């Protein structure tokens, strides 16, 4: 499967993506969506989320900074998106870290039909067992996907996708993108990306844009978006200079996405299908 065309599809269609995301990363989410060629809109008030959702092709729900007001908005927007047949993604940030996050993630999954659920392995496990071992909003080291446990983690991902009737994207040192039958194993990226707040949030927004642009190939579009982010992390790191730190690295990643071409994506993507 050639992944480059999914980036081209985004830039050809310029999809509008509605993001109910957390205020720690909202600006970077918007910039990454713009960098890949799509258009972001951020709205989280219940008085307008239905209207905003109706004009967008995709909805990205991120629970990173929860409050009672936005939970109602997430449920309302998700239901409207489902009624209109629009793409919906869930990023269950920090599920397992608190009862509110865990119960909200579970409530959203029950109430809304998600096309993709994207999180780290601890967050995804929380949606299966009801409690988690997250370290704040980061995955617990004991849950890391490694070459040693890869086979069992692929099985876990496929089972999750089958049970929840969605695509699951488990991101970390090794990324897994699975439906019930097929799993993309992606090995792009840099460990230094974890030193930046919000690369996962940015990725969720970008995945949503890729999904809207390629609605008939959602599994492949998700894999392409994740490879794009990982490659951007590699390119950005290659351009780091003495004195640069994580703030510069964040900007260089956004620039690398902006300058990404389908041929670069094709050439640098490291993945296998299992």
C-alpha atoms as a PDB file:
ATOM      1  CA  UNK A   1       0.000   0.000   0.000  1.00  0.00           C
ATOM      2  CA  UNK A   2       1.342   3.404  -1.017  1.00  0.00           C
ATOM      3  CA  UNK A   3       0.862   5.871   1.821  1.00  0.00           C
ATOM      4  CA  UNK A   4       1.804   9.073   0.000  1.00  0.00           C
ATOM      5  CA  UNK A   5      -1.538   9.443  -1.744  1.00  0.00           C
ATOM      6  CA  UNK A   6      -3.320   9.997   1.568  1.00  0.00           C
ATOM      7  CA  UNK A   7      -1.289  13.136   2.213  1.00  0.00           C
ATOM      8  CA  UNK A   8      -2.035  14.279  -1.323  1.00  0.00           C
ATOM      9  CA  UNK A   9      -5.744  13.670  -0.721  1.00  0.00           C
ATOM     10  CA  UNK A  10      -5.694  15.992   2.294  1.00  0.00           C
ATOM     11  CA  UNK A  11      -4.069  18.767   0.324  1.00  0.00           C
ATOM     12  CA  UNK A  12      -6.423  18.291  -2.612  1.00  0.00           C
ATOM     13  CA  UNK A  13      -9.618  18.381  -0.522  1.00  0.00           C
ATOM     14  CA  UNK A  14      -8.626  20.728   2.367  1.00  0.00           C
ATOM     15  CA  UNK A  15     -10.978  19.066   4.873  1.00  0.00           C
ATOM     16  CA  UNK A  16     -12.461  21.125   7.700  1.00  0.00           C
ATOM     17  CA  UNK A  17     -11.874  19.474  11.088  1.00  0.00           C
ATOM     18  CA  UNK A  18     -13.734  20.353  14.272  1.00  0.00           C
ATOM     19  CA  UNK A  19     -11.594  19.891  17.370  1.00  0.00           C
ATOM     20  CA  UNK A  20     -12.874  19.725  20.922  1.00  0.00           C
ATOM     21  CA  UNK A  21      -9.413  19.417  22.345  1.00  0.00           C
ATOM     22  CA  UNK A  22      -7.486  20.422  25.429  1.00  0.00           C
ATOM     23  CA  UNK A  23      -6.297  23.956  26.044  1.00  0.00           C
ATOM     24  CA  UNK A  24      -2.706  22.839  26.737  1.00  0.00           C
ATOM     25  CA  UNK A  25      -2.186  21.928  23.086  1.00  0.00           C
ATOM     26  CA  UNK A  26      -4.984  23.590  21.131  1.00  0.00           C
ATOM     27  CA  UNK A  27      -2.749  26.027  19.229  1.00  0.00           C
ATOM     28  CA  UNK A  28      -0.313  23.322  18.136  1.00  0.00           C
ATOM     29  CA  UNK A  29      -3.200  21.068  17.061  1.00  0.00           C
ATOM     30  CA  UNK A  30      -4.505  23.848  14.835  1.00  0.00           C
ATOM     31  CA  UNK A  31      -1.070  24.508  13.353  1.00  0.00           C
ATOM     32  CA  UNK A  32      -0.409  20.847  12.564  1.00  0.00           C
ATOM     33  CA  UNK A  33      -3.787  20.520  10.854  1.00  0.00           C
ATOM     34  CA  UNK A  34      -2.913  23.573   8.766  1.00  0.00           C
ATOM     35  CA  UNK A  35       0.577  22.212   8.084  1.00  0.00           C
ATOM     36  CA  UNK A  36      -0.733  18.974   6.582  1.00  0.00           C
ATOM     37  CA  UNK A  37      -3.082  20.913   4.303  1.00  0.00           C
ATOM     38  CA  UNK A  38      -6.393  20.806   6.161  1.00  0.00           C
ATOM     39  CA  UNK A  39      -8.354  23.479   8.003  1.00  0.00           C
ATOM     40  CA  UNK A  40      -9.063  23.485  11.767  1.00  0.00           C
ATOM     41  CA  UNK A  41     -11.888  24.945  13.790  1.00  0.00           C
ATOM     42  CA  UNK A  42     -12.054  24.866  17.578  1.00  0.00           C
ATOM     43  CA  UNK A  43     -15.418  25.124  19.344  1.00  0.00           C
ATOM     44  CA  UNK A  44     -16.437  23.589  22.663  1.00  0.00           C
ATOM     45  CA  UNK A  45     -19.525  25.451  23.851  1.00  0.00           C
ATOM     46  CA  UNK A  46     -22.759  23.456  23.803  1.00  0.00           C
ATOM     47  CA  UNK A  47     -24.554  26.408  22.203  1.00  0.00           C
ATOM     48  CA  UNK A  48     -22.551  26.054  18.991  1.00  0.00           C
ATOM     49  CA  UNK A  49     -20.908  22.609  18.784  1.00  0.00           C
ATOM     50  CA  UNK A  50     -23.798  21.032  16.880  1.00  0.00           C
ATOM     51  CA  UNK A  51     -23.778  23.797  14.287  1.00  0.00           C
ATOM     52  CA  UNK A  52     -19.993  23.757  13.937  1.00  0.00           C
ATOM     53  CA  UNK A  53     -19.902  19.961  13.710  1.00  0.00           C
ATOM     54  CA  UNK A  54     -22.506  20.032  10.936  1.00  0.00           C
ATOM     55  CA  UNK A  55     -20.261  22.092   8.631  1.00  0.00           C
ATOM     56  CA  UNK A  56     -17.121  20.000   9.233  1.00  0.00           C
ATOM     57  CA  UNK A  57     -16.180  16.694   7.696  1.00  0.00           C
ATOM     58  CA  UNK A  58     -14.569  15.346  10.847  1.00  0.00           C
ATOM     59  CA  UNK A  59     -14.685  15.667  14.627  1.00  0.00           C
ATOM     60  CA  UNK A  60     -11.666  15.193  16.905  1.00  0.00           C
ATOM     61  CA  UNK A  61     -12.586  14.699  20.579  1.00  0.00           C
ATOM     62  CA  UNK A  62      -9.731  14.967  23.088  1.00  0.00           C
ATOM     63  CA  UNK A  63     -10.333  14.640  26.852  1.00  0.00           C
ATOM     64  CA  UNK A  64      -7.026  16.152  27.958  1.00  0.00           C
ATOM     65  CA  UNK A  65      -8.483  19.002  30.037  1.00  0.00           C
ATOM     66  CA  UNK A  66     -11.909  17.818  31.087  1.00  0.00           C
ATOM     67  CA  UNK A  67     -14.684  19.760  32.736  1.00  0.00           C
ATOM     68  CA  UNK A  68     -18.421  19.174  33.050  1.00  0.00           C
ATOM     69  CA  UNK A  69     -19.236  21.777  30.412  1.00  0.00           C
ATOM     70  CA  UNK A  70     -17.069  20.271  27.690  1.00  0.00           C
ATOM     71  CA  UNK A  71     -18.159  16.707  28.434  1.00  0.00           C
ATOM     72  CA  UNK A  72     -21.723  17.665  27.480  1.00  0.00           C
ATOM     73  CA  UNK A  73     -20.382  19.395  24.376  1.00  0.00           C
ATOM     74  CA  UNK A  74     -18.413  16.296  23.364  1.00  0.00           C
ATOM     75  CA  UNK A  75     -21.478  14.081  23.649  1.00  0.00           C
ATOM     76  CA  UNK A  76     -23.637  16.502  21.698  1.00  0.00           C
ATOM     77  CA  UNK A  77     -21.090  17.041  18.926  1.00  0.00           C
ATOM     78  CA  UNK A  78     -20.413  13.313  18.622  1.00  0.00           C
ATOM     79  CA  UNK A  79     -24.070  12.479  18.283  1.00  0.00           C
ATOM     80  CA  UNK A  80     -24.543  15.120  15.588  1.00  0.00           C
ATOM     81  CA  UNK A  81     -21.477  13.866  13.706  1.00  0.00           C
ATOM     82  CA  UNK A  82     -22.844  10.310  13.843  1.00  0.00           C
ATOM     83  CA  UNK A  83     -26.228  11.442  12.543  1.00  0.00           C
ATOM     84  CA  UNK A  84     -24.553  13.195   9.607  1.00  0.00           C
ATOM     85  CA  UNK A  85     -22.166  10.331   8.882  1.00  0.00           C
ATOM     86  CA  UNK A  86     -19.084  12.407   9.617  1.00  0.00           C
ATOM     87  CA  UNK A  87     -15.738  11.001  10.750  1.00  0.00           C
ATOM     88  CA  UNK A  88     -15.222  10.965  14.533  1.00  0.00           C
ATOM     89  CA  UNK A  89     -11.996  10.280  16.474  1.00  0.00           C
ATOM     90  CA  UNK A  90     -11.485   9.867  20.213  1.00  0.00           C
ATOM     91  CA  UNK A  91      -8.227  10.693  21.993  1.00  0.00           C
ATOM     92  CA  UNK A  92      -8.743   9.429  25.579  1.00  0.00           C
ATOM     93  CA  UNK A  93      -5.875  11.440  27.085  1.00  0.00           C
ATOM     94  CA  UNK A  94      -4.990  10.246  30.568  1.00  0.00           C
ATOM     95  CA  UNK A  95      -7.744   7.646  30.789  1.00  0.00           C
ATOM     96  CA  UNK A  96      -6.856   5.648  33.871  1.00  0.00           C
ATOM     97  CA  UNK A  97      -5.286   8.603  35.673  1.00  0.00           C
ATOM     98  CA  UNK A  98      -8.530   9.694  37.348  1.00  0.00           C
ATOM     99  CA  UNK A  99     -12.064   8.430  37.780  1.00  0.00           C
ATOM    100  CA  UNK A 100     -13.429  11.375  35.786  1.00  0.00           C
ATOM    101  CA  UNK A 101     -11.188  10.715  32.795  1.00  0.00           C
ATOM    102  CA  UNK A 102     -11.838   6.987  32.850  1.00  0.00           C
ATOM    103  CA  UNK A 103     -15.603   7.249  33.241  1.00  0.00           C
ATOM    104  CA  UNK A 104     -15.822   9.982  30.594  1.00  0.00           C
ATOM    105  CA  UNK A 105     -13.833   7.956  28.074  1.00  0.00           C
ATOM    106  CA  UNK A 106     -16.063   4.948  28.704  1.00  0.00           C
ATOM    107  CA  UNK A 107     -19.198   7.076  28.440  1.00  0.00           C
ATOM    108  CA  UNK A 108     -18.070   8.576  25.135  1.00  0.00           C
ATOM    109  CA  UNK A 109     -17.278   5.153  23.657  1.00  0.00           C
ATOM    110  CA  UNK A 110     -20.722   3.903  24.653  1.00  0.00           C
ATOM    111  CA  UNK A 111     -22.613   6.940  23.359  1.00  0.00           C
ATOM    112  CA  UNK A 112     -20.726   7.729  20.139  1.00  0.00           C
ATOM    113  CA  UNK A 113     -19.684   5.615  17.153  1.00  0.00           C
ATOM    114  CA  UNK A 114     -15.985   6.379  16.699  1.00  0.00           C
ATOM    115  CA  UNK A 115     -14.128   5.656  13.478  1.00  0.00           C
ATOM    116  CA  UNK A 116     -10.777   5.733  15.286  1.00  0.00           C
ATOM    117  CA  UNK A 117      -9.681   5.619  18.915  1.00  0.00           C
ATOM    118  CA  UNK A 118      -6.084   6.846  19.287  1.00  0.00           C
ATOM    119  CA  UNK A 119      -4.070   6.682  22.474  1.00  0.00           C
ATOM    120  CA  UNK A 120      -1.065   5.216  24.194  1.00  0.00           C
ATOM    121  CA  UNK A 121      -1.208   1.596  25.274  1.00  0.00           C
ATOM    122  CA  UNK A 122      -2.158   2.428  28.880  1.00  0.00           C
ATOM    123  CA  UNK A 123      -5.099   4.568  27.756  1.00  0.00           C
ATOM    124  CA  UNK A 124      -6.348   1.893  25.368  1.00  0.00           C
ATOM    125  CA  UNK A 125      -6.012  -0.814  28.033  1.00  0.00           C
ATOM    126  CA  UNK A 126      -8.059   1.343  30.377  1.00  0.00           C
ATOM    127  CA  UNK A 127     -10.939   1.263  27.896  1.00  0.00           C
ATOM    128  CA  UNK A 128     -10.815  -2.533  28.055  1.00  0.00           C
ATOM    129  CA  UNK A 129     -10.397  -3.191  31.776  1.00  0.00           C
ATOM    130  CA  UNK A 130     -11.919  -0.043  33.284  1.00  0.00           C
ATOM    131  CA  UNK A 131      -8.875   1.126  35.213  1.00  0.00           C
ATOM    132  CA  UNK A 132      -5.366   1.964  34.147  1.00  0.00           C
ATOM    133  CA  UNK A 133      -1.714   2.345  35.050  1.00  0.00           C
ATOM    134  CA  UNK A 134      -1.041   5.630  33.311  1.00  0.00           C
ATOM    135  CA  UNK A 135       1.685   7.918  34.638  1.00  0.00           C
ATOM    136  CA  UNK A 136      -0.334  11.110  34.487  1.00  0.00           C
ATOM    137  CA  UNK A 137      -1.127  11.365  30.788  1.00  0.00           C
ATOM    138  CA  UNK A 138       1.817   9.173  29.735  1.00  0.00           C
ATOM    139  CA  UNK A 139       1.899   5.419  29.252  1.00  0.00           C
ATOM    140  CA  UNK A 140       3.210   3.269  32.055  1.00  0.00           C
ATOM    141  CA  UNK A 141       6.588   1.812  31.078  1.00  0.00           C
ATOM    142  CA  UNK A 142       5.311  -1.674  31.882  1.00  0.00           C
ATOM    143  CA  UNK A 143       2.751  -1.284  29.082  1.00  0.00           C
ATOM    144  CA  UNK A 144       5.218  -0.346  26.334  1.00  0.00           C
ATOM    145  CA  UNK A 145       4.864  -2.076  22.976  1.00  0.00           C
ATOM    146  CA  UNK A 146       8.213  -3.789  22.278  1.00  0.00           C
ATOM    147  CA  UNK A 147       9.592  -6.250  19.769  1.00  0.00           C
ATOM    148  CA  UNK A 148       9.340  -8.925  22.482  1.00  0.00           C
ATOM    149  CA  UNK A 149       5.606  -8.491  23.087  1.00  0.00           C
ATOM    150  CA  UNK A 150       4.697  -7.281  19.603  1.00  0.00           C
ATOM    151  CA  UNK A 151       2.731 -10.371  18.576  1.00  0.00           C
ATOM    152  CA  UNK A 152       0.504 -10.275  21.648  1.00  0.00           C
ATOM    153  CA  UNK A 153       0.009  -6.513  21.322  1.00  0.00           C
ATOM    154  CA  UNK A 154      -1.081  -6.917  17.701  1.00  0.00           C
ATOM    155  CA  UNK A 155      -3.634  -9.460  18.873  1.00  0.00           C
ATOM    156  CA  UNK A 156      -4.781  -7.078  21.604  1.00  0.00           C
ATOM    157  CA  UNK A 157      -5.200  -4.261  19.071  1.00  0.00           C
ATOM    158  CA  UNK A 158      -7.218  -6.394  16.657  1.00  0.00           C
ATOM    159  CA  UNK A 159      -9.446  -7.651  19.464  1.00  0.00           C
ATOM    160  CA  UNK A 160     -10.043  -4.103  20.688  1.00  0.00           C
ATOM    161  CA  UNK A 161     -10.951  -2.972  17.171  1.00  0.00           C
ATOM    162  CA  UNK A 162     -13.317  -5.923  16.744  1.00  0.00           C
ATOM    163  CA  UNK A 163     -14.980  -5.363  20.122  1.00  0.00           C
ATOM    164  CA  UNK A 164     -15.390  -1.590  19.744  1.00  0.00           C
ATOM    165  CA  UNK A 165     -16.133  -1.784  15.997  1.00  0.00           C
ATOM    166  CA  UNK A 166     -13.545   0.855  15.163  1.00  0.00           C
ATOM    167  CA  UNK A 167      -9.948   1.339  14.112  1.00  0.00           C
ATOM    168  CA  UNK A 168      -7.514   1.570  17.009  1.00  0.00           C
ATOM    169  CA  UNK A 169      -4.241   3.487  16.826  1.00  0.00           C
ATOM    170  CA  UNK A 170      -1.857   2.672  19.669  1.00  0.00           C
ATOM    171  CA  UNK A 171       1.065   5.068  19.536  1.00  0.00           C
ATOM    172  CA  UNK A 172       4.457   4.785  21.219  1.00  0.00           C
ATOM    173  CA  UNK A 173       7.947   3.647  20.312  1.00  0.00           C
ATOM    174  CA  UNK A 174       6.265   1.188  17.935  1.00  0.00           C
ATOM    175  CA  UNK A 175       2.902   2.308  16.550  1.00  0.00           C
ATOM    176  CA  UNK A 176       0.048  -0.103  15.876  1.00  0.00           C
ATOM    177  CA  UNK A 177      -2.917   0.749  13.625  1.00  0.00           C
ATOM    178  CA  UNK A 178      -5.468  -2.030  13.491  1.00  0.00           C
ATOM    179  CA  UNK A 179      -8.947  -3.050  12.528  1.00  0.00           C
ATOM    180  CA  UNK A 180     -10.319  -6.477  13.356  1.00  0.00           C
ATOM    181  CA  UNK A 181      -8.321  -8.188  10.592  1.00  0.00           C
ATOM    182  CA  UNK A 182      -5.212  -6.174   9.764  1.00  0.00           C
ATOM    183  CA  UNK A 183      -2.548  -4.277  11.694  1.00  0.00           C
ATOM    184  CA  UNK A 184      -0.008  -1.754  10.453  1.00  0.00           C
ATOM    185  CA  UNK A 185       3.178  -1.848  12.526  1.00  0.00           C
ATOM    186  CA  UNK A 186       4.954   1.506  12.111  1.00  0.00           C
ATOM    187  CA  UNK A 187       8.470   2.221  13.299  1.00  0.00           C
ATOM    188  CA  UNK A 188       8.965   5.896  12.460  1.00  0.00           C
ATOM    189  CA  UNK A 189       9.610   8.645  14.992  1.00  0.00           C
ATOM    190  CA  UNK A 190      12.098   9.714  17.641  1.00  0.00           C
ATOM    191  CA  UNK A 191      12.097   9.178  21.399  1.00  0.00           C
ATOM    192  CA  UNK A 192      12.661  12.932  21.785  1.00  0.00           C
ATOM    193  CA  UNK A 193       9.098  13.551  20.559  1.00  0.00           C
ATOM    194  CA  UNK A 194       7.899  12.558  24.040  1.00  0.00           C
ATOM    195  CA  UNK A 195       9.657  15.633  25.423  1.00  0.00           C
ATOM    196  CA  UNK A 196       7.133  17.871  23.664  1.00  0.00           C
ATOM    197  CA  UNK A 197       3.700  18.418  25.142  1.00  0.00           C
ATOM    198  CA  UNK A 198       1.025  17.498  22.660  1.00  0.00           C
ATOM    199  CA  UNK A 199       2.533  15.488  19.821  1.00  0.00           C
ATOM    200  CA  UNK A 200      -0.212  12.933  20.421  1.00  0.00           C
ATOM    201  CA  UNK A 201      -2.898  15.620  20.440  1.00  0.00           C
ATOM    202  CA  UNK A 202      -1.488  17.050  17.224  1.00  0.00           C
ATOM    203  CA  UNK A 203      -1.488  13.604  15.677  1.00  0.00           C
ATOM    204  CA  UNK A 204      -5.139  13.029  16.535  1.00  0.00           C
ATOM    205  CA  UNK A 205      -6.110  16.213  14.725  1.00  0.00           C
ATOM    206  CA  UNK A 206      -4.048  15.228  11.701  1.00  0.00           C
ATOM    207  CA  UNK A 207      -5.463  11.696  11.628  1.00  0.00           C
ATOM    208  CA  UNK A 208      -8.964  13.169  11.552  1.00  0.00           C
ATOM    209  CA  UNK A 209      -8.035  15.270   8.532  1.00  0.00           C
ATOM    210  CA  UNK A 210      -6.599  12.220   6.744  1.00  0.00           C
ATOM    211  CA  UNK A 211      -9.769  10.247   7.496  1.00  0.00           C
ATOM    212  CA  UNK A 212     -12.033  12.921   6.045  1.00  0.00           C
ATOM    213  CA  UNK A 213      -9.897  13.098   2.901  1.00  0.00           C
ATOM    214  CA  UNK A 214      -9.928   9.303   2.351  1.00  0.00           C
ATOM    215  CA  UNK A 215     -13.217   8.054   3.830  1.00  0.00           C
ATOM    216  CA  UNK A 216     -13.152   4.728   2.015  1.00  0.00           C
ATOM    217  CA  UNK A 217      -9.662   3.746   3.224  1.00  0.00           C
ATOM    218  CA  UNK A 218      -9.685   4.741   6.870  1.00  0.00           C
ATOM    219  CA  UNK A 219      -7.200   2.150   8.098  1.00  0.00           C
ATOM    220  CA  UNK A 220      -4.589   3.133   5.522  1.00  0.00           C
ATOM    221  CA  UNK A 221      -5.275   6.853   5.999  1.00  0.00           C
ATOM    222  CA  UNK A 222      -4.701   6.502   9.737  1.00  0.00           C
ATOM    223  CA  UNK A 223      -1.447   4.646   9.149  1.00  0.00           C
ATOM    224  CA  UNK A 224      -0.325   7.332   6.694  1.00  0.00           C
ATOM    225  CA  UNK A 225      -0.992  10.126   9.188  1.00  0.00           C
ATOM    226  CA  UNK A 226       0.957   8.339  11.914  1.00  0.00           C
ATOM    227  CA  UNK A 227       3.875   7.689   9.566  1.00  0.00           C
ATOM    228  CA  UNK A 228       3.793  11.364   8.550  1.00  0.00           C
ATOM    229  CA  UNK A 229       4.111  12.483  12.166  1.00  0.00           C
ATOM    230  CA  UNK A 230       6.919  10.013  12.882  1.00  0.00           C
ATOM    231  CA  UNK A 231       8.875  11.024   9.801  1.00  0.00           C
ATOM    232  CA  UNK A 232       8.393  14.692  10.689  1.00  0.00           C
ATOM    233  CA  UNK A 233       9.926  13.935  14.085  1.00  0.00           C
ATOM    234  CA  UNK A 234      12.930  12.328  12.399  1.00  0.00           C
ATOM    235  CA  UNK A 235      13.432  15.176   9.929  1.00  0.00           C
ATOM    236  CA  UNK A 236      13.002  17.803  12.631  1.00  0.00           C
ATOM    237  CA  UNK A 237      15.604  16.123  14.817  1.00  0.00           C
ATOM    238  CA  UNK A 238      18.052  16.013  11.911  1.00  0.00           C
ATOM    239  CA  UNK A 239      17.748  19.816  11.664  1.00  0.00           C
ATOM    240  CA  UNK A 240      18.379  20.501  15.345  1.00  0.00           C
ATOM    241  CA  UNK A 241      21.375  22.711  16.066  1.00  0.00           C
ATOM    242  CA  UNK A 242      23.482  23.393  19.140  1.00  0.00           C
ATOM    243  CA  UNK A 243      21.425  25.307  21.671  1.00  0.00           C
ATOM    244  CA  UNK A 244      18.081  24.071  20.319  1.00  0.00           C
ATOM    245  CA  UNK A 245      15.675  22.477  22.772  1.00  0.00           C
ATOM    246  CA  UNK A 246      12.188  21.053  22.884  1.00  0.00           C
ATOM    247  CA  UNK A 247      10.514  24.360  21.970  1.00  0.00           C
ATOM    248  CA  UNK A 248      12.520  24.552  18.751  1.00  0.00           C
ATOM    249  CA  UNK A 249      11.932  20.860  18.144  1.00  0.00           C
ATOM    250  CA  UNK A 250       8.168  21.417  18.349  1.00  0.00           C
ATOM    251  CA  UNK A 251       8.340  24.112  15.689  1.00  0.00           C
ATOM    252  CA  UNK A 252      10.622  22.040  13.479  1.00  0.00           C
ATOM    253  CA  UNK A 253       8.140  19.146  13.576  1.00  0.00           C
ATOM    254  CA  UNK A 254       5.333  21.433  12.402  1.00  0.00           C
ATOM    255  CA  UNK A 255       7.614  22.789   9.665  1.00  0.00           C
ATOM    256  CA  UNK A 256       8.518  19.244   8.600  1.00  0.00           C
ATOM    257  CA  UNK A 257       4.843  18.375   8.231  1.00  0.00           C
ATOM    258  CA  UNK A 258       4.271  21.574   6.246  1.00  0.00           C
ATOM    259  CA  UNK A 259       7.115  20.645   3.889  1.00  0.00           C
ATOM    260  CA  UNK A 260       6.306  16.923   3.718  1.00  0.00           C
ATOM    261  CA  UNK A 261       5.771  15.516   0.250  1.00  0.00           C
ATOM    262  CA  UNK A 262       4.132  12.279  -0.763  1.00  0.00           C
ATOM    263  CA  UNK A 263       7.442  11.072  -2.155  1.00  0.00           C
ATOM    264  CA  UNK A 264       9.229  11.756   1.157  1.00  0.00           C
ATOM    265  CA  UNK A 265       6.464   9.897   2.971  1.00  0.00           C
ATOM    266  CA  UNK A 266       6.792   6.958   0.593  1.00  0.00           C
ATOM    267  CA  UNK A 267      10.575   6.869   0.851  1.00  0.00           C
ATOM    268  CA  UNK A 268      10.879   7.155   4.635  1.00  0.00           C
ATOM    269  CA  UNK A 269       7.843   5.269   5.936  1.00  0.00           C
ATOM    270  CA  UNK A 270       8.889   2.169   7.895  1.00  0.00           C
ATOM    271  CA  UNK A 271       5.999  -0.236   8.303  1.00  0.00           C
ATOM    272  CA  UNK A 272       4.782  -3.748   7.856  1.00  0.00           C
ATOM    273  CA  UNK A 273       1.292  -5.221   7.715  1.00  0.00           C
ATOM    274  CA  UNK A 274       0.444  -8.102  10.000  1.00  0.00           C
END
